[in-house]
């Protein structure tokens, strides 16, 4: 039986911390983004349908995800998987964390690992 090698998701986040890299450049296809995030491609399409993420489209109408999109999807995964929040709650929490950050207020202890500074919420 062949074992699928898993790559750590943090490699995308670590690479995106370099400010010389354009976070909004649409470089990942649907299949690559779903592989990075270890989700089914249909899940990413569902997030798009719910307007939680807005991948760019090519001339041939193919989805392209940016590093910022992948970072937002990682934040969504953290909230849904680790904190058991539904998608409506995820929207609210991400917006609230962004407002707290812009006001200079520290987030709650349980959510300090979510960095929303570079996310479009």
N, C-alpha and C. Protein backbone atom coordinates (compact mmCIF):
# COMPACT_ATOMS: atom_id res chain seq x y z
N UNK A 1 0.83 -1.17 0.00
CA UNK A 1 0.00 0.00 0.00
C UNK A 1 0.89 1.24 0.00
N UNK A 2 0.59 2.17 -0.86
CA UNK A 2 1.37 3.39 -0.98
C UNK A 2 0.89 4.42 0.04
N UNK A 3 1.83 5.00 0.77
CA UNK A 3 1.50 5.99 1.78
C UNK A 3 1.68 7.38 1.20
N UNK A 4 0.65 8.20 1.33
CA UNK A 4 0.71 9.56 0.81
C UNK A 4 1.51 10.44 1.76
N UNK A 5 2.52 11.09 1.22
CA UNK A 5 3.33 11.96 2.05
C UNK A 5 2.61 13.28 2.26
N UNK A 6 2.56 13.74 3.50
CA UNK A 6 1.87 14.99 3.83
C UNK A 6 2.91 16.08 4.07
N UNK A 7 2.63 17.23 3.52
CA UNK A 7 3.50 18.37 3.69
C UNK A 7 2.89 19.30 4.71
N UNK A 8 3.68 19.87 5.58
CA UNK A 8 3.11 20.75 6.60
C UNK A 8 2.49 21.99 5.98
N UNK A 9 1.33 22.37 6.47
CA UNK A 9 0.61 23.53 5.96
C UNK A 9 1.37 24.81 6.29
N UNK A 10 2.19 24.78 7.33
CA UNK A 10 2.91 25.97 7.76
C UNK A 10 3.89 26.47 6.72
N UNK A 11 4.26 25.67 5.74
CA UNK A 11 5.20 26.13 4.73
C UNK A 11 4.62 27.28 3.92
N UNK A 12 3.32 27.26 3.67
CA UNK A 12 2.69 28.35 2.94
C UNK A 12 2.65 29.61 3.79
N UNK A 13 2.32 29.45 5.07
CA UNK A 13 2.25 30.61 5.96
C UNK A 13 3.64 31.19 6.17
N UNK A 14 4.64 30.33 6.36
CA UNK A 14 5.99 30.82 6.59
C UNK A 14 6.50 31.58 5.37
N UNK A 15 6.20 31.09 4.20
CA UNK A 15 6.64 31.76 2.98
C UNK A 15 5.90 33.08 2.79
N UNK A 16 4.69 33.17 3.31
CA UNK A 16 3.91 34.39 3.10
C UNK A 16 4.31 35.51 4.05
N UNK A 17 5.13 35.21 5.07
CA UNK A 17 5.57 36.26 5.99
C UNK A 17 6.61 37.17 5.36
N UNK A 18 7.24 36.75 4.28
CA UNK A 18 8.20 37.58 3.57
C UNK A 18 7.42 38.63 2.79
N UNK A 19 7.67 39.92 3.10
CA UNK A 19 6.88 41.00 2.51
C UNK A 19 7.22 41.26 1.05
N UNK A 20 8.29 40.65 0.52
CA UNK A 20 8.62 40.83 -0.88
C UNK A 20 7.75 39.94 -1.77
N UNK A 21 7.08 38.97 -1.17
CA UNK A 21 6.21 38.07 -1.92
C UNK A 21 4.82 38.68 -1.99
N UNK A 22 4.24 38.70 -3.18
CA UNK A 22 2.90 39.25 -3.35
C UNK A 22 1.88 38.24 -2.83
N UNK A 23 1.17 38.62 -1.77
CA UNK A 23 0.18 37.73 -1.17
C UNK A 23 -1.07 37.59 -2.02
N UNK A 24 -1.30 38.51 -2.93
CA UNK A 24 -2.52 38.50 -3.72
C UNK A 24 -2.35 37.93 -5.12
N UNK A 25 -1.17 37.45 -5.44
CA UNK A 25 -0.94 36.88 -6.76
C UNK A 25 -1.62 35.50 -6.83
N UNK A 26 -2.56 35.32 -7.76
CA UNK A 26 -3.29 34.05 -7.84
C UNK A 26 -2.44 32.95 -8.48
N UNK A 27 -1.86 32.08 -7.65
CA UNK A 27 -0.92 31.09 -8.17
C UNK A 27 -1.35 29.65 -7.97
N UNK A 28 -2.24 29.37 -7.01
CA UNK A 28 -2.62 28.00 -6.72
C UNK A 28 -3.91 27.62 -7.44
N UNK A 29 -3.90 26.47 -8.09
CA UNK A 29 -5.12 25.96 -8.70
C UNK A 29 -6.00 25.36 -7.61
N UNK A 30 -7.20 25.01 -7.95
CA UNK A 30 -8.12 24.40 -6.99
C UNK A 30 -7.53 23.12 -6.40
N UNK A 31 -6.98 22.29 -7.25
CA UNK A 31 -6.44 21.01 -6.76
C UNK A 31 -5.22 21.22 -5.86
N UNK A 32 -4.37 22.17 -6.19
CA UNK A 32 -3.19 22.43 -5.38
C UNK A 32 -3.60 23.03 -4.03
N UNK A 33 -4.52 23.98 -4.04
CA UNK A 33 -4.99 24.58 -2.79
C UNK A 33 -5.65 23.53 -1.90
N UNK A 34 -6.45 22.67 -2.49
CA UNK A 34 -7.11 21.63 -1.69
C UNK A 34 -6.10 20.62 -1.14
N UNK A 35 -5.04 20.38 -1.89
CA UNK A 35 -3.99 19.48 -1.41
C UNK A 35 -3.21 20.12 -0.27
N UNK A 36 -2.90 21.40 -0.38
CA UNK A 36 -2.19 22.11 0.69
C UNK A 36 -3.01 22.07 1.97
N UNK A 37 -4.31 22.32 1.84
CA UNK A 37 -5.19 22.40 3.00
C UNK A 37 -5.74 21.05 3.45
N UNK A 38 -5.48 20.01 2.66
CA UNK A 38 -5.95 18.66 2.95
C UNK A 38 -7.47 18.61 3.09
N UNK A 39 -8.15 19.21 2.12
CA UNK A 39 -9.61 19.16 2.04
C UNK A 39 -10.01 18.75 0.63
N UNK A 40 -11.25 18.37 0.48
CA UNK A 40 -11.77 18.01 -0.83
C UNK A 40 -11.96 19.31 -1.63
N UNK A 41 -11.68 19.30 -2.93
CA UNK A 41 -11.89 20.50 -3.74
C UNK A 41 -13.31 21.06 -3.64
N UNK A 42 -14.27 20.18 -3.46
CA UNK A 42 -15.67 20.63 -3.33
C UNK A 42 -15.86 21.52 -2.10
N UNK A 43 -15.08 21.30 -1.05
CA UNK A 43 -15.15 22.14 0.15
C UNK A 43 -14.76 23.57 -0.19
N UNK A 44 -13.72 23.73 -0.99
CA UNK A 44 -13.29 25.08 -1.38
C UNK A 44 -14.35 25.74 -2.25
N UNK A 45 -14.99 24.95 -3.11
CA UNK A 45 -16.08 25.50 -3.93
C UNK A 45 -17.25 25.93 -3.05
N UNK A 46 -17.51 25.19 -1.99
CA UNK A 46 -18.59 25.54 -1.08
C UNK A 46 -18.28 26.85 -0.36
N UNK A 47 -17.02 27.02 0.09
CA UNK A 47 -16.62 28.28 0.73
C UNK A 47 -16.79 29.46 -0.24
N UNK A 48 -16.48 29.22 -1.50
CA UNK A 48 -16.66 30.27 -2.50
C UNK A 48 -18.15 30.57 -2.68
N UNK A 49 -18.96 29.53 -2.75
CA UNK A 49 -20.42 29.70 -2.91
C UNK A 49 -21.01 30.49 -1.73
N UNK A 50 -20.45 30.30 -0.54
CA UNK A 50 -20.92 31.01 0.66
C UNK A 50 -20.27 32.38 0.81
N UNK A 51 -19.50 32.79 -0.19
CA UNK A 51 -18.81 34.10 -0.21
C UNK A 51 -17.83 34.27 0.94
N UNK A 52 -17.23 33.19 1.39
CA UNK A 52 -16.22 33.27 2.44
C UNK A 52 -14.84 33.51 1.82
N UNK A 53 -14.70 33.12 0.57
CA UNK A 53 -13.44 33.28 -0.15
C UNK A 53 -13.77 33.65 -1.59
N UNK A 54 -12.90 34.43 -2.20
CA UNK A 54 -13.15 34.89 -3.57
C UNK A 54 -11.91 34.65 -4.43
N UNK A 55 -11.74 33.40 -4.93
CA UNK A 55 -10.58 33.16 -5.79
C UNK A 55 -10.73 33.90 -7.11
N UNK A 56 -9.61 34.25 -7.68
CA UNK A 56 -9.66 34.90 -9.00
C UNK A 56 -9.92 33.85 -10.05
N UNK A 57 -10.30 34.30 -11.22
CA UNK A 57 -10.57 33.40 -12.34
C UNK A 57 -9.65 33.73 -13.50
N UNK A 58 -9.24 32.69 -14.21
CA UNK A 58 -8.43 32.88 -15.41
C UNK A 58 -9.37 33.21 -16.57
N UNK A 59 -8.80 33.44 -17.73
CA UNK A 59 -9.58 33.71 -18.93
C UNK A 59 -10.48 32.53 -19.26
N UNK A 60 -10.02 31.33 -18.95
CA UNK A 60 -10.80 30.12 -19.21
C UNK A 60 -11.69 29.74 -18.01
N UNK A 61 -11.89 30.66 -17.08
CA UNK A 61 -12.78 30.53 -15.92
C UNK A 61 -12.31 29.50 -14.89
N UNK A 62 -11.01 29.28 -14.79
CA UNK A 62 -10.45 28.38 -13.78
C UNK A 62 -10.13 29.18 -12.52
N UNK A 63 -10.35 28.56 -11.36
CA UNK A 63 -10.07 29.23 -10.09
C UNK A 63 -8.57 29.29 -9.83
N UNK A 64 -8.12 30.41 -9.28
CA UNK A 64 -6.74 30.56 -8.84
C UNK A 64 -6.76 31.21 -7.45
N UNK A 65 -6.09 30.55 -6.52
CA UNK A 65 -6.06 31.01 -5.14
C UNK A 65 -4.72 31.68 -4.85
N UNK A 66 -4.75 32.75 -4.10
CA UNK A 66 -3.54 33.46 -3.70
C UNK A 66 -3.08 32.93 -2.34
N UNK A 67 -1.90 33.36 -1.93
CA UNK A 67 -1.41 32.99 -0.60
C UNK A 67 -2.33 33.55 0.48
N UNK A 68 -2.86 34.75 0.26
CA UNK A 68 -3.80 35.35 1.22
C UNK A 68 -5.07 34.50 1.34
N UNK A 69 -5.55 33.98 0.21
CA UNK A 69 -6.71 33.08 0.23
C UNK A 69 -6.42 31.83 1.05
N UNK A 70 -5.25 31.25 0.84
CA UNK A 70 -4.88 30.03 1.57
C UNK A 70 -4.75 30.34 3.07
N UNK A 71 -4.21 31.50 3.40
CA UNK A 71 -4.09 31.88 4.81
C UNK A 71 -5.48 32.03 5.44
N UNK A 72 -6.42 32.61 4.71
CA UNK A 72 -7.78 32.76 5.23
C UNK A 72 -8.43 31.39 5.39
N UNK A 73 -8.21 30.51 4.43
CA UNK A 73 -8.75 29.16 4.53
C UNK A 73 -8.16 28.40 5.72
N UNK A 74 -6.89 28.64 6.02
CA UNK A 74 -6.28 28.02 7.19
C UNK A 74 -6.92 28.54 8.47
N UNK A 75 -7.24 29.83 8.51
CA UNK A 75 -7.91 30.40 9.68
C UNK A 75 -9.32 29.80 9.83
N UNK A 76 -10.01 29.63 8.71
CA UNK A 76 -11.34 29.01 8.73
C UNK A 76 -11.23 27.58 9.25
N UNK A 77 -10.23 26.83 8.79
CA UNK A 77 -10.03 25.47 9.25
C UNK A 77 -9.74 25.41 10.75
N UNK A 78 -8.93 26.32 11.23
CA UNK A 78 -8.61 26.36 12.66
C UNK A 78 -9.87 26.55 13.49
N UNK A 79 -10.70 27.51 13.08
CA UNK A 79 -11.91 27.77 13.83
C UNK A 79 -12.91 26.62 13.75
N UNK A 80 -13.05 26.01 12.58
CA UNK A 80 -14.03 24.94 12.46
C UNK A 80 -13.54 23.63 13.07
N UNK A 81 -12.28 23.33 12.93
CA UNK A 81 -11.76 22.04 13.41
C UNK A 81 -11.38 22.07 14.88
N UNK A 82 -10.65 23.07 15.31
CA UNK A 82 -10.15 23.11 16.68
C UNK A 82 -11.15 23.72 17.66
N UNK A 83 -11.91 24.70 17.21
CA UNK A 83 -12.83 25.39 18.10
C UNK A 83 -14.29 25.02 17.85
N UNK A 84 -14.54 24.16 16.87
CA UNK A 84 -15.88 23.64 16.56
C UNK A 84 -16.90 24.75 16.30
N UNK A 85 -16.49 25.75 15.55
CA UNK A 85 -17.36 26.88 15.21
C UNK A 85 -17.98 26.62 13.84
N UNK A 86 -19.26 26.96 13.67
CA UNK A 86 -19.89 26.81 12.36
C UNK A 86 -19.46 27.97 11.46
N UNK A 87 -19.79 27.91 10.19
CA UNK A 87 -19.29 28.89 9.22
C UNK A 87 -19.84 30.29 9.46
N UNK A 88 -21.06 30.41 9.96
CA UNK A 88 -21.58 31.73 10.30
C UNK A 88 -20.77 32.32 11.45
N UNK A 89 -20.41 31.49 12.41
CA UNK A 89 -19.58 31.94 13.53
C UNK A 89 -18.18 32.31 13.08
N UNK A 90 -17.65 31.58 12.11
CA UNK A 90 -16.32 31.88 11.57
C UNK A 90 -16.29 33.29 10.98
N UNK A 91 -17.30 33.62 10.19
CA UNK A 91 -17.38 34.97 9.61
C UNK A 91 -17.36 36.04 10.69
N UNK A 92 -18.18 35.81 11.70
CA UNK A 92 -18.31 36.79 12.79
C UNK A 92 -17.00 36.90 13.57
N UNK A 93 -16.39 35.79 13.90
CA UNK A 93 -15.16 35.80 14.70
C UNK A 93 -14.02 36.46 13.93
N UNK A 94 -13.86 36.14 12.64
CA UNK A 94 -12.79 36.76 11.85
C UNK A 94 -12.97 38.28 11.75
N UNK A 95 -14.21 38.71 11.53
CA UNK A 95 -14.48 40.15 11.47
C UNK A 95 -14.21 40.81 12.82
N UNK A 96 -14.60 40.14 13.89
CA UNK A 96 -14.38 40.67 15.23
C UNK A 96 -12.90 40.76 15.56
N UNK A 97 -12.13 39.72 15.21
CA UNK A 97 -10.69 39.74 15.46
C UNK A 97 -10.02 40.86 14.67
N UNK A 98 -10.48 41.10 13.45
CA UNK A 98 -9.91 42.18 12.63
C UNK A 98 -10.20 43.54 13.28
N UNK A 99 -11.41 43.72 13.80
CA UNK A 99 -11.76 44.98 14.48
C UNK A 99 -10.97 45.16 15.77
N UNK A 100 -10.79 44.08 16.51
CA UNK A 100 -9.99 44.16 17.74
C UNK A 100 -8.55 44.55 17.42
N UNK A 101 -8.02 43.96 16.37
CA UNK A 101 -6.64 44.27 15.99
C UNK A 101 -6.50 45.73 15.55
N UNK A 102 -7.45 46.22 14.76
CA UNK A 102 -7.36 47.61 14.30
C UNK A 102 -7.54 48.59 15.46
N UNK A 103 -8.23 48.16 16.53
CA UNK A 103 -8.40 49.01 17.72
C UNK A 103 -7.24 48.86 18.69
N UNK A 104 -6.33 47.92 18.42
CA UNK A 104 -5.17 47.72 19.29
C UNK A 104 -5.48 46.92 20.54
N UNK A 105 -6.55 46.14 20.50
CA UNK A 105 -6.96 45.33 21.64
C UNK A 105 -6.47 43.90 21.43
N UNK A 106 -5.97 43.29 22.50
CA UNK A 106 -5.51 41.91 22.43
C UNK A 106 -6.69 40.96 22.25
N UNK A 107 -6.54 39.94 21.40
CA UNK A 107 -7.62 38.95 21.23
C UNK A 107 -7.69 38.04 22.44
N UNK A 108 -8.78 37.30 22.59
CA UNK A 108 -8.87 36.33 23.69
C UNK A 108 -7.74 35.31 23.61
N UNK A 109 -7.37 34.77 24.74
CA UNK A 109 -6.25 33.83 24.84
C UNK A 109 -6.39 32.64 23.89
N UNK A 110 -7.61 32.11 23.74
CA UNK A 110 -7.83 30.94 22.90
C UNK A 110 -7.62 31.24 21.42
N UNK A 111 -7.73 32.51 21.02
CA UNK A 111 -7.65 32.87 19.61
C UNK A 111 -6.37 33.64 19.26
N UNK A 112 -5.40 33.67 20.15
CA UNK A 112 -4.16 34.40 19.87
C UNK A 112 -3.34 33.77 18.75
N UNK A 113 -3.56 32.49 18.47
CA UNK A 113 -2.80 31.84 17.40
C UNK A 113 -3.33 32.20 16.01
N UNK A 114 -4.47 32.87 15.92
CA UNK A 114 -5.01 33.29 14.62
C UNK A 114 -4.51 34.70 14.30
N UNK A 115 -3.75 34.81 13.23
CA UNK A 115 -3.25 36.11 12.81
C UNK A 115 -4.12 36.60 11.66
N UNK A 116 -4.91 37.63 11.93
CA UNK A 116 -5.81 38.17 10.90
C UNK A 116 -5.26 39.45 10.29
N UNK A 117 -4.03 39.80 10.62
CA UNK A 117 -3.47 41.07 10.14
C UNK A 117 -3.37 41.16 8.63
N UNK A 118 -3.16 40.04 7.96
CA UNK A 118 -2.99 40.07 6.50
C UNK A 118 -4.19 39.50 5.77
N UNK A 119 -5.27 39.24 6.48
CA UNK A 119 -6.46 38.64 5.84
C UNK A 119 -7.43 39.72 5.40
N UNK A 120 -8.13 39.44 4.30
CA UNK A 120 -9.22 40.28 3.87
C UNK A 120 -10.50 39.71 4.47
N UNK A 121 -11.03 40.44 5.43
CA UNK A 121 -12.22 39.96 6.12
C UNK A 121 -13.38 40.88 5.80
